[in-house]
Amino acid sequence: MADSATDHPVNGHSVDTLKGSTFAIKAILSHAKAAYNQIASGPVAQNVKDQSAKTTAEFSNLANARQTPSNPAATGQDLTTYHSFFSELLSWNNPRASAIAYASVVSLIFVARYLDVVRYTFKLTWMALGVTVLAEAVGKALIGNGLATQLRPRKYYTVPRETLEALIGDVHALINFFVIESQRIFFAENVATSAVVAFGAFLSYYLVKIVPYWGLALVATTLTFFVPLIYSTNQELIDHYLKQVSDVINSQTEQLRQVATKHTSQATEITKQYMGDYTAKAQQMLRGRSTSPATAPKTAQSNLRESDFPKAPKEDIKHEEESSESESEDEPLVHA
């Protein structure tokens, strides 16, 4: 009966169809595998592998560049490892790593601008917790064992102490990088850098009125990454023009210094002359006061004449007294 079922024309046709489909699937898989091997061994795949290997090597070079710079700060203290790291990153010595870093920063700026990260974080949190809670409840209701329990790891993941210490060390070095660089810029350790930062802050003060903060961040990131690239690719031409500008500034500064020195010397001579004159006059005044009696009273001049005063008596004062006494004795006789 089994043979008759097998010999049935419909069943035979089905088996043949199944065998044909199996052979077709095997053929498709073999052709796909051959095409994959051809693509994998082709120039495009080889180019992708080469670029991937070069990118990995450049990131390794960038990571190995994190060393304490040999040139310390103006105060003599050592700089952080991030000084050499950012110097290597912005120098574009590893172009693939620098380009990926620039694209990553720009992507973060656009994500922060156009995506509500906090809101989407809350949404993802409640959706993930809802799925795990629902799976655990349904599993316990149907099969007596929660599905989330089956997926739970035997041991929860913890952050190793070495990893945490390395992370804290990196954060500490990064914070000190910004702190040291801000002080170096503020105290004009490099005059050109401080001048560029001052000019950028001046432009930002006016651009912030018309450009949003994310736009300023995008402009600042672009300038930070591409100004060193433009300088490295056109270093000879830029250095030539910078030398000309420096020569002009130095000549003008020298002329101003000479003019200032000349005017200063003239002002000094005039001041010395005036001081000498005032000193001589002061000495003369002091000498005149020492020769004249300062305490003697001055005779007051008046318009009175000698005839305005009575004449002094010329006879003796005793004779005048006797005559006055005699006159006083005779007077009663006359009256009697």
C-alpha atoms as a PDB file:
ATOM      1  CA  MET A   1       0.000   0.000   0.000  1.00  0.00           C
ATOM      2  CA  ALA A   2       2.892   2.278   0.695  1.00  0.00           C
ATOM      3  CA  ASP A   3       4.248   1.474  -2.726  1.00  0.00           C
ATOM      4  CA  SER A   4       0.934   2.277  -4.280  1.00  0.00           C
ATOM      5  CA  ALA A   5       0.844   5.586  -2.439  1.00  0.00           C
ATOM      6  CA  THR A   6       4.280   6.313  -3.655  1.00  0.00           C
ATOM      7  CA  ASP A   7       3.467   5.253  -7.167  1.00  0.00           C
ATOM      8  CA  HIS A   8       0.464   7.534  -7.240  1.00  0.00           C
ATOM      9  CA  PRO A   9       0.989  10.135  -9.963  1.00  0.00           C
ATOM     10  CA  VAL A  10       0.157  13.040  -7.666  1.00  0.00           C
ATOM     11  CA  ASN A  11       2.524  11.904  -4.955  1.00  0.00           C
ATOM     12  CA  GLY A  12       5.279  11.235  -7.437  1.00  0.00           C
ATOM     13  CA  HIS A  13       4.861  14.666  -8.854  1.00  0.00           C
ATOM     14  CA  SER A  14       5.071  16.178  -5.374  1.00  0.00           C
ATOM     15  CA  VAL A  15       8.286  14.304  -4.594  1.00  0.00           C
ATOM     16  CA  ASP A  16       9.814  15.370  -7.859  1.00  0.00           C
ATOM     17  CA  THR A  17       8.783  18.937  -7.195  1.00  0.00           C
ATOM     18  CA  LEU A  18      10.309  18.797  -3.731  1.00  0.00           C
ATOM     19  CA  LYS A  19      13.535  17.349  -5.075  1.00  0.00           C
ATOM     20  CA  GLY A  20      13.632  19.968  -7.773  1.00  0.00           C
ATOM     21  CA  SER A  21      13.098  22.725  -5.232  1.00  0.00           C
ATOM     22  CA  THR A  22      15.847  21.293  -3.052  1.00  0.00           C
ATOM     23  CA  PHE A  23      18.251  21.209  -5.971  1.00  0.00           C
ATOM     24  CA  ALA A  24      17.241  24.755  -6.914  1.00  0.00           C
ATOM     25  CA  ILE A  25      17.841  25.983  -3.376  1.00  0.00           C
ATOM     26  CA  LYS A  26      21.227  24.249  -3.296  1.00  0.00           C
ATOM     27  CA  ALA A  27      22.107  25.782  -6.626  1.00  0.00           C
ATOM     28  CA  ILE A  28      21.072  29.241  -5.449  1.00  0.00           C
ATOM     29  CA  LEU A  29      23.098  28.833  -2.265  1.00  0.00           C
ATOM     30  CA  SER A  30      26.126  27.624  -4.208  1.00  0.00           C
ATOM     31  CA  HIS A  31      25.851  30.550  -6.622  1.00  0.00           C
ATOM     32  CA  ALA A  32      25.420  32.976  -3.700  1.00  0.00           C
ATOM     33  CA  LYS A  33      28.441  31.495  -1.993  1.00  0.00           C
ATOM     34  CA  ALA A  34      30.479  31.737  -5.170  1.00  0.00           C
ATOM     35  CA  ALA A  35      29.351  35.333  -5.663  1.00  0.00           C
ATOM     36  CA  TYR A  36      30.228  36.142  -2.057  1.00  0.00           C
ATOM     37  CA  ASN A  37      33.654  34.568  -2.459  1.00  0.00           C
ATOM     38  CA  GLN A  38      34.143  36.503  -5.672  1.00  0.00           C
ATOM     39  CA  ILE A  39      33.061  39.741  -4.040  1.00  0.00           C
ATOM     40  CA  ALA A  40      35.127  39.001  -0.952  1.00  0.00           C
ATOM     41  CA  SER A  41      38.188  38.369  -3.059  1.00  0.00           C
ATOM     42  CA  GLY A  42      37.446  41.227  -5.446  1.00  0.00           C
ATOM     43  CA  PRO A  43      39.008  44.685  -5.517  1.00  0.00           C
ATOM     44  CA  VAL A  44      36.092  46.369  -3.728  1.00  0.00           C
ATOM     45  CA  ALA A  45      36.208  44.030  -0.753  1.00  0.00           C
ATOM     46  CA  GLN A  46      39.978  44.199  -0.666  1.00  0.00           C
ATOM     47  CA  ASN A  47      39.798  47.979  -0.672  1.00  0.00           C
ATOM     48  CA  VAL A  48      37.297  47.878   2.189  1.00  0.00           C
ATOM     49  CA  LYS A  49      39.565  45.580   4.163  1.00  0.00           C
ATOM     50  CA  ASP A  50      42.564  47.813   3.528  1.00  0.00           C
ATOM     51  CA  GLN A  51      40.689  50.934   4.580  1.00  0.00           C
ATOM     52  CA  SER A  52      39.404  49.179   7.693  1.00  0.00           C
ATOM     53  CA  ALA A  53      42.921  48.059   8.605  1.00  0.00           C
ATOM     54  CA  LYS A  54      44.313  51.576   8.024  1.00  0.00           C
ATOM     55  CA  THR A  55      41.547  53.110  10.137  1.00  0.00           C
ATOM     56  CA  THR A  56      42.275  50.679  12.962  1.00  0.00           C
ATOM     57  CA  ALA A  57      45.986  51.477  12.725  1.00  0.00           C
ATOM     58  CA  GLU A  58      45.315  55.221  12.815  1.00  0.00           C
ATOM     59  CA  PHE A  59      43.133  54.897  15.912  1.00  0.00           C
ATOM     60  CA  SER A  60      45.910  52.858  17.498  1.00  0.00           C
ATOM     61  CA  ASN A  61      48.417  55.606  16.665  1.00  0.00           C
ATOM     62  CA  LEU A  62      46.053  58.172  18.109  1.00  0.00           C
ATOM     63  CA  ALA A  63      45.699  56.164  21.322  1.00  0.00           C
ATOM     64  CA  ASN A  64      49.471  55.692  21.569  1.00  0.00           C
ATOM     65  CA  ALA A  65      49.945  59.467  21.198  1.00  0.00           C
ATOM     66  CA  ARG A  66      48.547  60.013  24.697  1.00  0.00           C
ATOM     67  CA  GLN A  67      51.848  60.725  26.408  1.00  0.00           C
ATOM     68  CA  THR A  68      53.094  63.558  28.571  1.00  0.00           C
ATOM     69  CA  PRO A  69      54.567  66.240  26.243  1.00  0.00           C
ATOM     70  CA  SER A  70      58.275  66.925  26.539  1.00  0.00           C
ATOM     71  CA  ASN A  71      57.721  70.695  26.497  1.00  0.00           C
ATOM     72  CA  PRO A  72      56.262  71.828  29.843  1.00  0.00           C
ATOM     73  CA  ALA A  73      54.143  74.906  30.448  1.00  0.00           C
ATOM     74  CA  ALA A  74      55.619  78.339  31.094  1.00  0.00           C
ATOM     75  CA  THR A  75      55.352  77.672  34.826  1.00  0.00           C
ATOM     76  CA  GLY A  76      57.504  74.550  34.474  1.00  0.00           C
ATOM     77  CA  GLN A  77      54.764  72.044  35.280  1.00  0.00           C
ATOM     78  CA  ASP A  78      54.076  69.057  33.051  1.00  0.00           C
ATOM     79  CA  LEU A  79      51.129  69.088  30.698  1.00  0.00           C
ATOM     80  CA  THR A  80      48.506  66.341  30.536  1.00  0.00           C
ATOM     81  CA  THR A  81      48.384  63.444  28.105  1.00  0.00           C
ATOM     82  CA  TYR A  82      45.372  65.033  26.409  1.00  0.00           C
ATOM     83  CA  HIS A  83      47.587  67.878  25.163  1.00  0.00           C
ATOM     84  CA  SER A  84      49.483  65.463  22.931  1.00  0.00           C
ATOM     85  CA  PHE A  85      46.265  63.585  22.106  1.00  0.00           C
ATOM     86  CA  PHE A  86      44.386  66.641  20.812  1.00  0.00           C
ATOM     87  CA  SER A  87      47.519  67.929  19.107  1.00  0.00           C
ATOM     88  CA  GLU A  88      47.795  64.670  17.193  1.00  0.00           C
ATOM     89  CA  LEU A  89      44.061  64.605  16.470  1.00  0.00           C
ATOM     90  CA  LEU A  90      43.892  68.163  15.095  1.00  0.00           C
ATOM     91  CA  SER A  91      47.123  67.854  13.120  1.00  0.00           C
ATOM     92  CA  TRP A  92      45.422  65.389  10.721  1.00  0.00           C
ATOM     93  CA  ASN A  93      48.434  63.093  10.764  1.00  0.00           C
ATOM     94  CA  ASN A  94      45.814  60.340  10.985  1.00  0.00           C
ATOM     95  CA  PRO A  95      43.214  61.656   8.519  1.00  0.00           C
ATOM     96  CA  ARG A  96      40.692  58.821   8.894  1.00  0.00           C
ATOM     97  CA  ALA A  97      40.639  59.073  12.674  1.00  0.00           C
ATOM     98  CA  SER A  98      40.372  62.894  12.538  1.00  0.00           C
ATOM     99  CA  ALA A  99      37.556  62.736   9.978  1.00  0.00           C
ATOM    100  CA  ILE A 100      35.636  60.185  12.055  1.00  0.00           C
ATOM    101  CA  ALA A 101      36.095  62.311  15.182  1.00  0.00           C
ATOM    102  CA  TYR A 102      34.814  65.413  13.362  1.00  0.00           C
ATOM    103  CA  ALA A 103      31.808  63.513  11.980  1.00  0.00           C
ATOM    104  CA  SER A 104      31.046  62.143  15.445  1.00  0.00           C
ATOM    105  CA  VAL A 105      31.096  65.592  17.070  1.00  0.00           C
ATOM    106  CA  VAL A 106      28.913  67.075  14.319  1.00  0.00           C
ATOM    107  CA  SER A 107      26.481  64.165  14.642  1.00  0.00           C
ATOM    108  CA  LEU A 108      26.226  64.739  18.395  1.00  0.00           C
ATOM    109  CA  ILE A 109      25.488  68.428  17.785  1.00  0.00           C
ATOM    110  CA  PHE A 110      22.669  67.592  15.348  1.00  0.00           C
ATOM    111  CA  VAL A 111      21.313  64.887  17.647  1.00  0.00           C
ATOM    112  CA  ALA A 112      21.210  67.326  20.545  1.00  0.00           C
ATOM    113  CA  ARG A 113      19.536  69.896  18.293  1.00  0.00           C
ATOM    114  CA  TYR A 114      16.881  67.855  16.499  1.00  0.00           C
ATOM    115  CA  LEU A 115      16.250  64.942  18.869  1.00  0.00           C
ATOM    116  CA  ASP A 116      14.699  65.229  22.283  1.00  0.00           C
ATOM    117  CA  VAL A 117      17.202  62.896  23.895  1.00  0.00           C
ATOM    118  CA  VAL A 118      15.733  63.078  27.393  1.00  0.00           C
ATOM    119  CA  ARG A 119      12.208  62.359  26.184  1.00  0.00           C
ATOM    120  CA  TYR A 120      13.322  59.449  23.998  1.00  0.00           C
ATOM    121  CA  THR A 121      15.354  58.082  26.910  1.00  0.00           C
ATOM    122  CA  PHE A 122      12.255  57.979  29.091  1.00  0.00           C
ATOM    123  CA  LYS A 123      10.279  56.377  26.247  1.00  0.00           C
ATOM    124  CA  LEU A 124      12.873  53.666  25.700  1.00  0.00           C
ATOM    125  CA  THR A 125      13.017  53.016  29.447  1.00  0.00           C
ATOM    126  CA  TRP A 126       9.288  52.449  29.904  1.00  0.00           C
ATOM    127  CA  MET A 127       9.042  50.331  26.744  1.00  0.00           C
ATOM    128  CA  ALA A 128      11.926  48.074  27.814  1.00  0.00           C
ATOM    129  CA  LEU A 129      10.561  47.704  31.339  1.00  0.00           C
ATOM    130  CA  GLY A 130       7.075  47.066  29.974  1.00  0.00           C
ATOM    131  CA  VAL A 131       8.347  44.249  27.745  1.00  0.00           C
ATOM    132  CA  THR A 132      10.286  42.577  30.558  1.00  0.00           C
ATOM    133  CA  VAL A 133       7.416  42.881  33.064  1.00  0.00           C
ATOM    134  CA  LEU A 134       4.884  41.552  30.523  1.00  0.00           C
ATOM    135  CA  ALA A 135       7.131  38.642  29.571  1.00  0.00           C
ATOM    136  CA  GLU A 136       7.685  37.734  33.207  1.00  0.00           C
ATOM    137  CA  ALA A 137       3.959  37.904  34.024  1.00  0.00           C
ATOM    138  CA  VAL A 138       2.840  35.947  30.946  1.00  0.00           C
ATOM    139  CA  GLY A 139       5.484  33.292  31.507  1.00  0.00           C
ATOM    140  CA  LYS A 140       4.469  32.749  35.109  1.00  0.00           C
ATOM    141  CA  ALA A 141       0.780  32.600  34.125  1.00  0.00           C
ATOM    142  CA  LEU A 142       1.198  30.118  31.274  1.00  0.00           C
ATOM    143  CA  ILE A 143       4.162  27.910  32.058  1.00  0.00           C
ATOM    144  CA  GLY A 144       4.751  28.758  35.707  1.00  0.00           C
ATOM    145  CA  ASN A 145       8.153  30.299  35.057  1.00  0.00           C
ATOM    146  CA  GLY A 146       8.847  33.849  33.968  1.00  0.00           C
ATOM    147  CA  LEU A 147      10.540  34.504  30.654  1.00  0.00           C
ATOM    148  CA  ALA A 148      12.613  37.351  32.055  1.00  0.00           C
ATOM    149  CA  THR A 149      13.869  34.965  34.707  1.00  0.00           C
ATOM    150  CA  GLN A 150      15.125  32.643  31.985  1.00  0.00           C
ATOM    151  CA  LEU A 151      17.043  35.478  30.359  1.00  0.00           C
ATOM    152  CA  ARG A 152      18.497  36.766  33.607  1.00  0.00           C
ATOM    153  CA  PRO A 153      22.280  36.283  33.807  1.00  0.00           C
ATOM    154  CA  ARG A 154      23.738  34.092  36.501  1.00  0.00           C
ATOM    155  CA  LYS A 155      25.790  37.026  37.790  1.00  0.00           C
ATOM    156  CA  TYR A 156      25.015  40.689  37.336  1.00  0.00           C
ATOM    157  CA  TYR A 157      27.604  42.748  35.549  1.00  0.00           C
ATOM    158  CA  THR A 158      29.780  44.999  37.702  1.00  0.00           C
ATOM    159  CA  VAL A 159      32.358  47.603  36.770  1.00  0.00           C
ATOM    160  CA  PRO A 160      35.844  46.388  37.636  1.00  0.00           C
ATOM    161  CA  ARG A 161      37.880  48.563  39.961  1.00  0.00           C
ATOM    162  CA  GLU A 162      40.684  48.856  37.421  1.00  0.00           C
ATOM    163  CA  THR A 163      38.283  50.095  34.741  1.00  0.00           C
ATOM    164  CA  LEU A 164      36.743  52.640  37.100  1.00  0.00           C
ATOM    165  CA  GLU A 165      40.149  53.913  38.223  1.00  0.00           C
ATOM    166  CA  ALA A 166      41.279  54.233  34.608  1.00  0.00           C
ATOM    167  CA  LEU A 167      38.066  56.089  33.749  1.00  0.00           C
ATOM    168  CA  ILE A 168      38.479  58.453  36.705  1.00  0.00           C
ATOM    169  CA  GLY A 169      42.089  59.075  35.696  1.00  0.00           C
ATOM    170  CA  ASP A 170      41.028  59.915  32.139  1.00  0.00           C
ATOM    171  CA  VAL A 171      38.301  62.281  33.340  1.00  0.00           C
ATOM    172  CA  HIS A 172      40.760  63.943  35.730  1.00  0.00           C
ATOM    173  CA  ALA A 173      43.310  64.429  32.949  1.00  0.00           C
ATOM    174  CA  LEU A 174      40.647  65.779  30.582  1.00  0.00           C
ATOM    175  CA  ILE A 175      39.398  68.308  33.152  1.00  0.00           C
ATOM    176  CA  ASN A 176      42.958  69.432  33.882  1.00  0.00           C
ATOM    177  CA  PHE A 177      43.555  69.817  30.154  1.00  0.00           C
ATOM    178  CA  PHE A 178      40.789  72.402  29.864  1.00  0.00           C
ATOM    179  CA  VAL A 179      41.799  74.101  33.133  1.00  0.00           C
ATOM    180  CA  ILE A 180      45.473  74.421  32.137  1.00  0.00           C
ATOM    181  CA  GLU A 181      44.700  75.517  28.593  1.00  0.00           C
ATOM    182  CA  SER A 182      42.301  78.221  29.774  1.00  0.00           C
ATOM    183  CA  GLN A 183      44.979  79.602  32.083  1.00  0.00           C
ATOM    184  CA  ARG A 184      47.651  79.468  29.370  1.00  0.00           C
ATOM    185  CA  ILE A 185      45.353  81.375  27.035  1.00  0.00           C
ATOM    186  CA  PHE A 186      44.362  83.918  29.690  1.00  0.00           C
ATOM    187  CA  PHE A 187      47.938  84.670  30.726  1.00  0.00           C
ATOM    188  CA  ALA A 188      49.066  84.895  27.053  1.00  0.00           C
ATOM    189  CA  GLU A 189      51.636  82.119  27.125  1.00  0.00           C
ATOM    190  CA  ASN A 190      51.203  82.036  23.355  1.00  0.00           C
ATOM    191  CA  VAL A 191      50.278  85.511  22.152  1.00  0.00           C
ATOM    192  CA  ALA A 192      48.967  84.337  18.775  1.00  0.00           C
ATOM    193  CA  THR A 193      46.677  81.731  20.329  1.00  0.00           C
ATOM    194  CA  SER A 194      45.352  84.186  22.899  1.00  0.00           C
ATOM    195  CA  ALA A 195      44.708  86.757  20.165  1.00  0.00           C
ATOM    196  CA  VAL A 196      42.789  84.209  18.063  1.00  0.00           C
ATOM    197  CA  VAL A 197      40.666  83.156  21.037  1.00  0.00           C
ATOM    198  CA  ALA A 198      39.975  86.795  21.910  1.00  0.00           C
ATOM    199  CA  PHE A 199      38.902  87.505  18.334  1.00  0.00           C
ATOM    200  CA  GLY A 200      36.662  84.424  18.345  1.00  0.00           C
ATOM    201  CA  ALA A 201      35.044  85.479  21.610  1.00  0.00           C
ATOM    202  CA  PHE A 202      34.501  88.968  20.181  1.00  0.00           C
ATOM    203  CA  LEU A 203      32.757  87.552  17.091  1.00  0.00           C
ATOM    204  CA  SER A 204      30.723  85.129  19.191  1.00  0.00           C
ATOM    205  CA  TYR A 205      29.516  88.006  21.357  1.00  0.00           C
ATOM    206  CA  TYR A 206      27.772  89.511  18.319  1.00  0.00           C
ATOM    207  CA  LEU A 207      26.922  86.280  16.465  1.00  0.00           C
ATOM    208  CA  VAL A 208      25.070  84.842  19.462  1.00  0.00           C
ATOM    209  CA  LYS A 209      22.357  87.433  18.845  1.00  0.00           C
ATOM    210  CA  ILE A 210      21.537  85.975  15.425  1.00  0.00           C
ATOM    211  CA  VAL A 211      22.999  82.441  15.509  1.00  0.00           C
ATOM    212  CA  PRO A 212      21.716  79.737  17.896  1.00  0.00           C
ATOM    213  CA  TYR A 213      24.070  78.013  20.285  1.00  0.00           C
ATOM    214  CA  TRP A 214      24.139  74.789  18.300  1.00  0.00           C
ATOM    215  CA  GLY A 215      25.127  76.809  15.226  1.00  0.00           C
ATOM    216  CA  LEU A 216      27.981  78.415  17.131  1.00  0.00           C
ATOM    217  CA  ALA A 217      29.073  74.978  18.342  1.00  0.00           C
ATOM    218  CA  LEU A 218      29.020  73.675  14.771  1.00  0.00           C
ATOM    219  CA  VAL A 219      31.054  76.638  13.490  1.00  0.00           C
ATOM    220  CA  ALA A 220      33.550  76.332  16.344  1.00  0.00           C
ATOM    221  CA  THR A 221      33.988  72.591  15.746  1.00  0.00           C
ATOM    222  CA  THR A 222      34.492  73.099  12.010  1.00  0.00           C
ATOM    223  CA  LEU A 223      37.081  75.823  12.554  1.00  0.00           C
ATOM    224  CA  THR A 224      38.862  73.803  15.227  1.00  0.00           C
ATOM    225  CA  PHE A 225      39.260  70.802  12.937  1.00  0.00           C
ATOM    226  CA  PHE A 226      39.817  72.436   9.557  1.00  0.00           C
ATOM    227  CA  VAL A 227      41.995  75.460  10.338  1.00  0.00           C
ATOM    228  CA  PRO A 228      44.958  73.195  11.243  1.00  0.00           C
ATOM    229  CA  LEU A 229      44.272  71.130   8.100  1.00  0.00           C
ATOM    230  CA  ILE A 230      44.294  74.221   5.890  1.00  0.00           C
ATOM    231  CA  TYR A 231      47.485  75.426   7.550  1.00  0.00           C
ATOM    232  CA  SER A 232      49.254  72.058   7.146  1.00  0.00           C
ATOM    233  CA  THR A 233      48.350  71.804   3.461  1.00  0.00           C
ATOM    234  CA  ASN A 234      49.366  75.411   2.682  1.00  0.00           C
ATOM    235  CA  GLN A 235      52.069  75.902   5.274  1.00  0.00           C
ATOM    236  CA  GLU A 236      54.702  77.485   3.010  1.00  0.00           C
ATOM    237  CA  LEU A 237      52.325  80.061   1.540  1.00  0.00           C
ATOM    238  CA  ILE A 238      50.750  80.899   4.891  1.00  0.00           C
ATOM    239  CA  ASP A 239      54.160  81.195   6.577  1.00  0.00           C
ATOM    240  CA  HIS A 240      55.298  83.526   3.795  1.00  0.00           C
ATOM    241  CA  TYR A 241      52.363  85.890   4.300  1.00  0.00           C
ATOM    242  CA  LEU A 242      52.646  85.648   8.053  1.00  0.00           C
ATOM    243  CA  LYS A 243      56.311  86.602   7.806  1.00  0.00           C
ATOM    244  CA  GLN A 244      55.431  89.629   5.691  1.00  0.00           C
ATOM    245  CA  VAL A 245      52.782  90.716   8.172  1.00  0.00           C
ATOM    246  CA  SER A 246      55.210  90.153  11.038  1.00  0.00           C
ATOM    247  CA  ASP A 247      57.874  92.250   9.304  1.00  0.00           C
ATOM    248  CA  VAL A 248      55.414  95.097   8.736  1.00  0.00           C
ATOM    249  CA  ILE A 249      54.271  94.954  12.349  1.00  0.00           C
ATOM    250  CA  ASN A 250      57.860  94.868  13.593  1.00  0.00           C
ATOM    251  CA  SER A 251      58.844  97.856  11.436  1.00  0.00           C
ATOM    252  CA  GLN A 252      55.865  99.869  12.601  1.00  0.00           C
ATOM    253  CA  THR A 253      56.577  98.889  16.180  1.00  0.00           C
ATOM    254  CA  GLU A 254      60.206  99.966  15.787  1.00  0.00           C
ATOM    255  CA  GLN A 255      59.144 103.321  14.367  1.00  0.00           C
ATOM    256  CA  LEU A 256      56.707 103.837  17.211  1.00  0.00           C
ATOM    257  CA  ARG A 257      59.411 102.872  19.676  1.00  0.00           C
ATOM    258  CA  GLN A 258      61.823 105.377  18.178  1.00  0.00           C
ATOM    259  CA  VAL A 259      59.216 108.146  18.153  1.00  0.00           C
ATOM    260  CA  ALA A 260      58.242 107.347  21.720  1.00  0.00           C
ATOM    261  CA  THR A 261      61.895 107.330  22.787  1.00  0.00           C
ATOM    262  CA  LYS A 262      62.499 110.690  21.093  1.00  0.00           C
ATOM    263  CA  HIS A 263      59.468 112.315  22.686  1.00  0.00           C
ATOM    264  CA  THR A 264      60.321 110.786  26.025  1.00  0.00           C
ATOM    265  CA  SER A 265      63.863 112.176  25.895  1.00  0.00           C
ATOM    266  CA  GLN A 266      62.555 115.607  24.910  1.00  0.00           C
ATOM    267  CA  ALA A 267      60.020 115.567  27.698  1.00  0.00           C
ATOM    268  CA  THR A 268      62.742 114.504  30.111  1.00  0.00           C
ATOM    269  CA  GLU A 269      65.030 117.364  29.039  1.00  0.00           C
ATOM    270  CA  ILE A 270      62.220 119.906  29.326  1.00  0.00           C
ATOM    271  CA  THR A 271      61.282 118.559  32.739  1.00  0.00           C
ATOM    272  CA  LYS A 272      64.907 118.756  33.885  1.00  0.00           C
ATOM    273  CA  GLN A 273      65.137 122.332  32.612  1.00  0.00           C
ATOM    274  CA  TYR A 274      61.984 123.407  34.410  1.00  0.00           C
ATOM    275  CA  MET A 275      63.058 121.635  37.539  1.00  0.00           C
ATOM    276  CA  GLY A 276      66.429 123.387  37.410  1.00  0.00           C
ATOM    277  CA  ASP A 277      64.760 126.796  37.009  1.00  0.00           C
ATOM    278  CA  TYR A 278      62.355 126.153  39.854  1.00  0.00           C
ATOM    279  CA  THR A 279      65.189 124.900  42.047  1.00  0.00           C
ATOM    280  CA  ALA A 280      67.271 128.013  41.373  1.00  0.00           C
ATOM    281  CA  LYS A 281      64.327 130.303  42.142  1.00  0.00           C
ATOM    282  CA  ALA A 282      63.603 128.420  45.327  1.00  0.00           C
ATOM    283  CA  GLN A 283      67.228 128.731  46.431  1.00  0.00           C
ATOM    284  CA  GLN A 284      67.207 132.476  45.727  1.00  0.00           C
ATOM    285  CA  MET A 285      64.033 132.923  47.754  1.00  0.00           C
ATOM    286  CA  LEU A 286      65.524 131.007  50.659  1.00  0.00           C
ATOM    287  CA  ARG A 287      68.750 133.074  50.574  1.00  0.00           C
ATOM    288  CA  GLY A 288      66.792 136.380  50.510  1.00  0.00           C
ATOM    289  CA  ARG A 289      64.804 135.359  53.564  1.00  0.00           C
ATOM    290  CA  SER A 290      67.931 134.430  55.475  1.00  0.00           C
ATOM    291  CA  THR A 291      69.651 137.864  54.922  1.00  0.00           C
ATOM    292  CA  SER A 292      66.628 140.114  55.818  1.00  0.00           C
ATOM    293  CA  PRO A 293      65.359 140.287  59.472  1.00  0.00           C
ATOM    294  CA  ALA A 294      62.117 138.514  59.201  1.00  0.00           C
ATOM    295  CA  THR A 295      60.982 139.353  62.725  1.00  0.00           C
ATOM    296  CA  ALA A 296      61.675 143.144  62.603  1.00  0.00           C
ATOM    297  CA  PRO A 297      58.469 145.177  62.427  1.00  0.00           C
ATOM    298  CA  LYS A 298      58.125 147.509  59.544  1.00  0.00           C
ATOM    299  CA  THR A 299      57.807 151.318  60.297  1.00  0.00           C
ATOM    300  CA  ALA A 300      54.401 152.474  59.434  1.00  0.00           C
ATOM    301  CA  GLN A 301      54.348 155.546  57.225  1.00  0.00           C
ATOM    302  CA  SER A 302      51.899 158.333  58.251  1.00  0.00           C
ATOM    303  CA  ASN A 303      50.852 161.752  56.933  1.00  0.00           C
ATOM    304  CA  LEU A 304      51.304 163.619  60.290  1.00  0.00           C
ATOM    305  CA  ARG A 305      53.674 166.629  60.488  1.00  0.00           C
ATOM    306  CA  GLU A 306      55.846 167.948  63.351  1.00  0.00           C
ATOM    307  CA  SER A 307      53.719 171.076  63.739  1.00  0.00           C
ATOM    308  CA  ASP A 308      50.726 168.934  64.617  1.00  0.00           C
ATOM    309  CA  PHE A 309      52.347 168.011  67.958  1.00  0.00           C
ATOM    310  CA  PRO A 310      52.828 170.516  70.914  1.00  0.00           C
ATOM    311  CA  LYS A 311      56.306 171.831  71.645  1.00  0.00           C
ATOM    312  CA  ALA A 312      58.177 170.266  74.513  1.00  0.00           C
ATOM    313  CA  PRO A 313      58.927 172.610  77.492  1.00  0.00           C
ATOM    314  CA  LYS A 314      62.460 173.999  77.566  1.00  0.00           C
ATOM    315  CA  GLU A 315      62.574 175.204  81.259  1.00  0.00           C
ATOM    316  CA  ASP A 316      63.344 173.007  84.151  1.00  0.00           C
ATOM    317  CA  ILE A 317      60.491 170.998  85.520  1.00  0.00           C
ATOM    318  CA  LYS A 318      61.289 172.132  89.168  1.00  0.00           C
ATOM    319  CA  HIS A 319      61.184 175.813  88.281  1.00  0.00           C
ATOM    320  CA  GLU A 320      57.779 175.285  86.758  1.00  0.00           C
ATOM    321  CA  GLU A 321      56.570 173.649  89.945  1.00  0.00           C
ATOM    322  CA  GLU A 322      57.787 176.576  92.155  1.00  0.00           C
ATOM    323  CA  SER A 323      56.136 179.158  89.928  1.00  0.00           C
ATOM    324  CA  SER A 324      52.879 177.278  90.060  1.00  0.00           C
ATOM    325  CA  GLU A 325      53.036 177.182  93.900  1.00  0.00           C
ATOM    326  CA  SER A 326      53.669 180.931  94.176  1.00  0.00           C
ATOM    327  CA  GLU A 327      50.768 181.707  91.963  1.00  0.00           C
ATOM    328  CA  SER A 328      48.531 179.592  94.091  1.00  0.00           C
ATOM    329  CA  GLU A 329      49.559 181.531  97.310  1.00  0.00           C
ATOM    330  CA  ASP A 330      48.889 184.974  95.783  1.00  0.00           C
ATOM    331  CA  GLU A 331      45.442 184.217  94.521  1.00  0.00           C
ATOM    332  CA  PRO A 332      43.563 184.473  97.892  1.00  0.00           C
ATOM    333  CA  LEU A 333      45.067 187.827  98.648  1.00  0.00           C
ATOM    334  CA  VAL A 334      43.747 189.251  95.504  1.00  0.00           C
ATOM    335  CA  HIS A 335      40.289 188.033  96.248  1.00  0.00           C
ATOM    336  CA  ALA A 336      40.373 189.394  99.748  1.00  0.00           C
END
